[in-house]
Structures are given as C-alpha cells and as structure tokens.
C-alpha cells in the first residue's frame, strides 16, 4: 500500500489531491472523521482520575 501511495504521488507530481479522487478514499476519510471524536473522548475519559466514591 505504501508503494502504491508513493507511486500515485510520484505520477501526480506530489499533488496529494490524487489521493482523494477515489470514492473509497472519501468514504474512509469520512469514517475516520466520524469515529475519531468518539475514540478520543473514550481515551481521554480513561486518563482522567475518577472522583473518590468514599469506599476505603
């Protein structure tokens, strides 16, 4: 996959717009943008200390 990306960039003269011309690329980017906020909130909520519940 890395080689294909490099080949596409080489053929396009370094224009990254070539990577977004495929329909599957747009769907994958949309999926990442939709899932990323949820994933970040889950990760950040695990890192914050929880309140003391009073149990010893």
PDB file of N, CA and C in Angstrom:
ATOM      1  N   UNK A   1       0.828  -1.188   0.000  1.00  0.00           N
ATOM      2  CA  UNK A   1       0.000   0.000   0.000  1.00  0.00           C
ATOM      3  C   UNK A   1       0.877   1.258   0.000  1.00  0.00           C
ATOM      4  N   UNK A   2       1.946   1.204   0.767  1.00  0.00           N
ATOM      5  CA  UNK A   2       2.866   2.344   0.818  1.00  0.00           C
ATOM      6  C   UNK A   2       3.471   2.608  -0.558  1.00  0.00           C
ATOM      7  N   UNK A   3       3.831   1.553  -1.258  1.00  0.00           N
ATOM      8  CA  UNK A   3       4.418   1.722  -2.585  1.00  0.00           C
ATOM      9  C   UNK A   3       3.401   2.318  -3.556  1.00  0.00           C
ATOM     10  N   UNK A   4       2.143   1.907  -3.449  1.00  0.00           N
ATOM     11  CA  UNK A   4       1.113   2.465  -4.320  1.00  0.00           C
ATOM     12  C   UNK A   4       0.905   3.950  -4.054  1.00  0.00           C
ATOM     13  N   UNK A   5       0.952   4.327  -2.776  1.00  0.00           N
ATOM     14  CA  UNK A   5       0.796   5.739  -2.415  1.00  0.00           C
ATOM     15  C   UNK A   5       1.959   6.547  -2.981  1.00  0.00           C
ATOM     16  N   UNK A   6       3.165   6.021  -2.838  1.00  0.00           N
ATOM     17  CA  UNK A   6       4.336   6.725  -3.369  1.00  0.00           C
ATOM     18  C   UNK A   6       4.264   6.848  -4.887  1.00  0.00           C
ATOM     19  N   UNK A   7       3.807   5.785  -5.538  1.00  0.00           N
ATOM     20  CA  UNK A   7       3.697   5.812  -6.999  1.00  0.00           C
ATOM     21  C   UNK A   7       2.667   6.855  -7.438  1.00  0.00           C
ATOM     22  N   UNK A   8       1.533   6.884  -6.747  1.00  0.00           N
ATOM     23  CA  UNK A   8       0.487   7.856  -7.090  1.00  0.00           C
ATOM     24  C   UNK A   8       0.987   9.281  -6.901  1.00  0.00           C
ATOM     25  N   UNK A   9       1.707   9.523  -5.816  1.00  0.00           N
ATOM     26  CA  UNK A   9       2.251  10.865  -5.575  1.00  0.00           C
ATOM     27  C   UNK A   9       3.311  11.223  -6.608  1.00  0.00           C
ATOM     28  N   UNK A  10       4.089  10.248  -6.984  1.00  0.00           N
ATOM     29  CA  UNK A  10       5.120  10.499  -7.996  1.00  0.00           C
ATOM     30  C   UNK A  10       4.489  10.849  -9.340  1.00  0.00           C
ATOM     31  N   UNK A  11       3.473  10.093  -9.731  1.00  0.00           N
ATOM     32  CA  UNK A  11       2.814  10.343 -11.012  1.00  0.00           C
ATOM     33  C   UNK A  11       2.069  11.668 -11.041  1.00  0.00           C
ATOM     34  N   UNK A  12       1.571  12.090  -9.866  1.00  0.00           N
ATOM     35  CA  UNK A  12       0.812  13.342  -9.811  1.00  0.00           C
ATOM     36  C   UNK A  12       1.710  14.551  -9.584  1.00  0.00           C
ATOM     37  N   UNK A  13       3.001  14.336  -9.503  1.00  0.00           N
ATOM     38  CA  UNK A  13       3.918  15.451  -9.280  1.00  0.00           C
ATOM     39  C   UNK A  13       3.887  15.952  -7.855  1.00  0.00           C
ATOM     40  N   UNK A  14       3.517  15.090  -6.910  1.00  0.00           N
ATOM     41  CA  UNK A  14       3.480  15.463  -5.496  1.00  0.00           C
ATOM     42  C   UNK A  14       2.160  16.049  -5.036  1.00  0.00           C
ATOM     43  N   UNK A  15       1.170  16.112  -5.913  1.00  0.00           N
ATOM     44  CA  UNK A  15      -0.141  16.659  -5.552  1.00  0.00           C
ATOM     45  C   UNK A  15      -0.920  15.624  -4.749  1.00  0.00           C
ATOM     46  N   UNK A  16      -1.197  15.918  -3.462  1.00  0.00           N
ATOM     47  CA  UNK A  16      -1.897  14.962  -2.606  1.00  0.00           C
ATOM     48  C   UNK A  16      -3.383  14.847  -2.953  1.00  0.00           C
ATOM     49  N   UNK A  17      -3.891  15.732  -3.775  1.00  0.00           N
ATOM     50  CA  UNK A  17      -5.289  15.658  -4.200  1.00  0.00           C
ATOM     51  C   UNK A  17      -5.608  14.374  -4.932  1.00  0.00           C
ATOM     52  N   UNK A  18      -4.610  13.762  -5.519  1.00  0.00           N
ATOM     53  CA  UNK A  18      -4.803  12.499  -6.228  1.00  0.00           C
ATOM     54  C   UNK A  18      -5.299  11.411  -5.272  1.00  0.00           C
ATOM     55  N   UNK A  19      -4.941  11.516  -4.002  1.00  0.00           N
ATOM     56  CA  UNK A  19      -5.331  10.500  -3.024  1.00  0.00           C
ATOM     57  C   UNK A  19      -6.812  10.578  -2.673  1.00  0.00           C
ATOM     58  N   UNK A  20      -7.460  11.696  -2.944  1.00  0.00           N
ATOM     59  CA  UNK A  20      -8.858  11.887  -2.575  1.00  0.00           C
ATOM     60  C   UNK A  20      -9.801  11.752  -3.763  1.00  0.00           C
ATOM     61  N   UNK A  21      -9.301  11.390  -4.922  1.00  0.00           N
ATOM     62  CA  UNK A  21     -10.152  11.284  -6.094  1.00  0.00           C
ATOM     63  C   UNK A  21     -10.946   9.989  -6.132  1.00  0.00           C
ATOM     64  N   UNK A  22     -10.535   9.006  -5.377  1.00  0.00           N
ATOM     65  CA  UNK A  22     -11.223   7.722  -5.349  1.00  0.00           C
ATOM     66  C   UNK A  22     -12.392   7.789  -4.375  1.00  0.00           C
ATOM     67  N   UNK A  23     -13.494   7.159  -4.742  1.00  0.00           N
ATOM     68  CA  UNK A  23     -14.661   7.132  -3.853  1.00  0.00           C
ATOM     69  C   UNK A  23     -14.381   6.435  -2.541  1.00  0.00           C
ATOM     70  N   UNK A  24     -13.599   5.358  -2.574  1.00  0.00           N
ATOM     71  CA  UNK A  24     -13.297   4.631  -1.338  1.00  0.00           C
ATOM     72  C   UNK A  24     -12.461   5.490  -0.399  1.00  0.00           C
ATOM     73  N   UNK A  25     -11.595   6.316  -0.947  1.00  0.00           N
ATOM     74  CA  UNK A  25     -10.786   7.204  -0.108  1.00  0.00           C
ATOM     75  C   UNK A  25     -11.666   8.191   0.643  1.00  0.00           C
ATOM     76  N   UNK A  26     -12.664   8.707  -0.036  1.00  0.00           N
ATOM     77  CA  UNK A  26     -13.579   9.658   0.617  1.00  0.00           C
ATOM     78  C   UNK A  26     -14.394   8.979   1.706  1.00  0.00           C
ATOM     79  N   UNK A  27     -14.851   7.757   1.449  1.00  0.00           N
ATOM     80  CA  UNK A  27     -15.613   7.020   2.464  1.00  0.00           C
ATOM     81  C   UNK A  27     -14.758   6.704   3.687  1.00  0.00           C
ATOM     82  N   UNK A  28     -13.519   6.300   3.456  1.00  0.00           N
ATOM     83  CA  UNK A  28     -12.627   6.008   4.579  1.00  0.00           C
ATOM     84  C   UNK A  28     -12.316   7.263   5.386  1.00  0.00           C
ATOM     85  N   UNK A  29     -12.093   8.368   4.708  1.00  0.00           N
ATOM     86  CA  UNK A  29     -11.821   9.626   5.409  1.00  0.00           C
ATOM     87  C   UNK A  29     -13.037  10.050   6.231  1.00  0.00           C
ATOM     88  N   UNK A  30     -14.234   9.899   5.674  1.00  0.00           N
ATOM     89  CA  UNK A  30     -15.452  10.251   6.403  1.00  0.00           C
ATOM     90  C   UNK A  30     -15.624   9.356   7.627  1.00  0.00           C
ATOM     91  N   UNK A  31     -15.337   8.075   7.483  1.00  0.00           N
ATOM     92  CA  UNK A  31     -15.454   7.152   8.613  1.00  0.00           C
ATOM     93  C   UNK A  31     -14.479   7.518   9.723  1.00  0.00           C
ATOM     94  N   UNK A  32     -13.261   7.863   9.357  1.00  0.00           N
ATOM     95  CA  UNK A  32     -12.264   8.257  10.355  1.00  0.00           C
ATOM     96  C   UNK A  32     -12.706   9.531  11.069  1.00  0.00           C
ATOM     97  N   UNK A  33     -13.215  10.493  10.320  1.00  0.00           N
ATOM     98  CA  UNK A  33     -13.651  11.754  10.927  1.00  0.00           C
ATOM     99  C   UNK A  33     -14.849  11.558  11.854  1.00  0.00           C
ATOM    100  N   UNK A  34     -15.687  10.577  11.551  1.00  0.00           N
ATOM    101  CA  UNK A  34     -16.830  10.309  12.419  1.00  0.00           C
ATOM    102  C   UNK A  34     -16.441   9.541  13.679  1.00  0.00           C
ATOM    103  N   UNK A  35     -15.481   8.647  13.575  1.00  0.00           N
ATOM    104  CA  UNK A  35     -15.102   7.797  14.699  1.00  0.00           C
ATOM    105  C   UNK A  35     -14.070   8.471  15.603  1.00  0.00           C
ATOM    106  N   UNK A  36     -13.245   9.321  15.057  1.00  0.00           N
ATOM    107  CA  UNK A  36     -12.161   9.929  15.811  1.00  0.00           C
ATOM    108  C   UNK A  36     -12.615  10.683  17.067  1.00  0.00           C
ATOM    109  N   UNK A  37     -13.631  11.541  17.010  1.00  0.00           N
ATOM    110  CA  UNK A  37     -14.052  12.235  18.241  1.00  0.00           C
ATOM    111  C   UNK A  37     -14.513  11.259  19.330  1.00  0.00           C
ATOM    112  N   UNK A  38     -15.236  10.219  18.941  1.00  0.00           N
ATOM    113  CA  UNK A  38     -15.697   9.222  19.908  1.00  0.00           C
ATOM    114  C   UNK A  38     -14.501   8.503  20.544  1.00  0.00           C
ATOM    115  N   UNK A  39     -13.550   8.107  19.711  1.00  0.00           N
ATOM    116  CA  UNK A  39     -12.376   7.393  20.197  1.00  0.00           C
ATOM    117  C   UNK A  39     -11.553   8.267  21.134  1.00  0.00           C
ATOM    118  N   UNK A  40     -11.349   9.520  20.760  1.00  0.00           N
ATOM    119  CA  UNK A  40     -10.580  10.432  21.613  1.00  0.00           C
ATOM    120  C   UNK A  40     -11.276  10.667  22.948  1.00  0.00           C
ATOM    121  N   UNK A  41     -12.587  10.809  22.941  1.00  0.00           N
ATOM    122  CA  UNK A  41     -13.301  11.026  24.202  1.00  0.00           C
ATOM    123  C   UNK A  41     -13.187   9.805  25.102  1.00  0.00           C
ATOM    124  N   UNK A  42     -13.222   8.607  24.532  1.00  0.00           N
ATOM    125  CA  UNK A  42     -13.063   7.386  25.329  1.00  0.00           C
ATOM    126  C   UNK A  42     -11.663   7.311  25.933  1.00  0.00           C
ATOM    127  N   UNK A  43     -10.657   7.625  25.131  1.00  0.00           N
ATOM    128  CA  UNK A  43      -9.289   7.565  25.625  1.00  0.00           C
ATOM    129  C   UNK A  43      -9.036   8.610  26.706  1.00  0.00           C
ATOM    130  N   UNK A  44      -9.553   9.810  26.500  1.00  0.00           N
ATOM    131  CA  UNK A  44      -9.336  10.876  27.482  1.00  0.00           C
ATOM    132  C   UNK A  44     -10.099  10.618  28.772  1.00  0.00           C
ATOM    133  N   UNK A  45     -11.263  10.004  28.679  1.00  0.00           N
ATOM    134  CA  UNK A  45     -12.033   9.733  29.892  1.00  0.00           C
ATOM    135  C   UNK A  45     -11.353   8.662  30.740  1.00  0.00           C
ATOM    136  N   UNK A  46     -10.598   7.783  30.134  1.00  0.00           N
ATOM    137  CA  UNK A  46      -9.858   6.767  30.889  1.00  0.00           C
ATOM    138  C   UNK A  46      -8.653   7.365  31.599  1.00  0.00           C
ATOM    139  N   UNK A  47      -8.112   8.430  31.052  1.00  0.00           N
ATOM    140  CA  UNK A  47      -6.910   9.029  31.617  1.00  0.00           C
ATOM    141  C   UNK A  47      -7.220   9.957  32.789  1.00  0.00           C
ATOM    142  N   UNK A  48      -8.423  10.514  32.837  1.00  0.00           N
ATOM    143  CA  UNK A  48      -8.754  11.440  33.918  1.00  0.00           C
ATOM    144  C   UNK A  48      -9.102  10.648  35.165  1.00  0.00           C
ATOM    145  N   UNK A  49      -8.584  11.058  36.324  1.00  0.00           N
ATOM    146  CA  UNK A  49      -8.892  10.330  37.557  1.00  0.00           C
ATOM    147  C   UNK A  49     -10.358  10.488  37.931  1.00  0.00           C
ATOM    148  N   UNK A  50     -10.921   9.402  38.405  1.00  0.00           N
ATOM    149  CA  UNK A  50     -12.331   9.446  38.794  1.00  0.00           C
ATOM    150  C   UNK A  50     -12.447   9.960  40.221  1.00  0.00           C
ATOM    151  N   UNK A  51     -13.629  10.485  40.534  1.00  0.00           N
ATOM    152  CA  UNK A  51     -13.856  11.019  41.863  1.00  0.00           C
ATOM    153  C   UNK A  51     -13.816   9.908  42.887  1.00  0.00           C
ATOM    154  N   UNK A  52     -13.403  10.258  44.091  1.00  0.00           N
ATOM    155  CA  UNK A  52     -13.373   9.298  45.167  1.00  0.00           C
ATOM    156  C   UNK A  52     -14.800   8.981  45.577  1.00  0.00           C
ATOM    157  N   UNK A  53     -15.165   7.704  45.589  1.00  0.00           N
ATOM    158  CA  UNK A  53     -16.539   7.311  45.901  1.00  0.00           C
ATOM    159  C   UNK A  53     -16.762   7.135  47.385  1.00  0.00           C
ATOM    160  N   UNK A  54     -15.715   7.268  48.191  1.00  0.00           N
ATOM    161  CA  UNK A  54     -15.882   7.159  49.638  1.00  0.00           C
ATOM    162  C   UNK A  54     -15.626   5.747  50.155  1.00  0.00           C
ATOM    163  N   UNK A  55     -15.400   4.811  49.284  1.00  0.00           N
ATOM    164  CA  UNK A  55     -15.087   3.445  49.713  1.00  0.00           C
ATOM    165  C   UNK A  55     -13.620   3.360  50.077  1.00  0.00           C
ATOM    166  N   UNK A  56     -13.317   2.646  51.168  1.00  0.00           N
ATOM    167  CA  UNK A  56     -11.920   2.512  51.598  1.00  0.00           C
ATOM    168  C   UNK A  56     -11.433   1.138  51.320  1.00  0.00           C
TER     169      UNK A  56
END
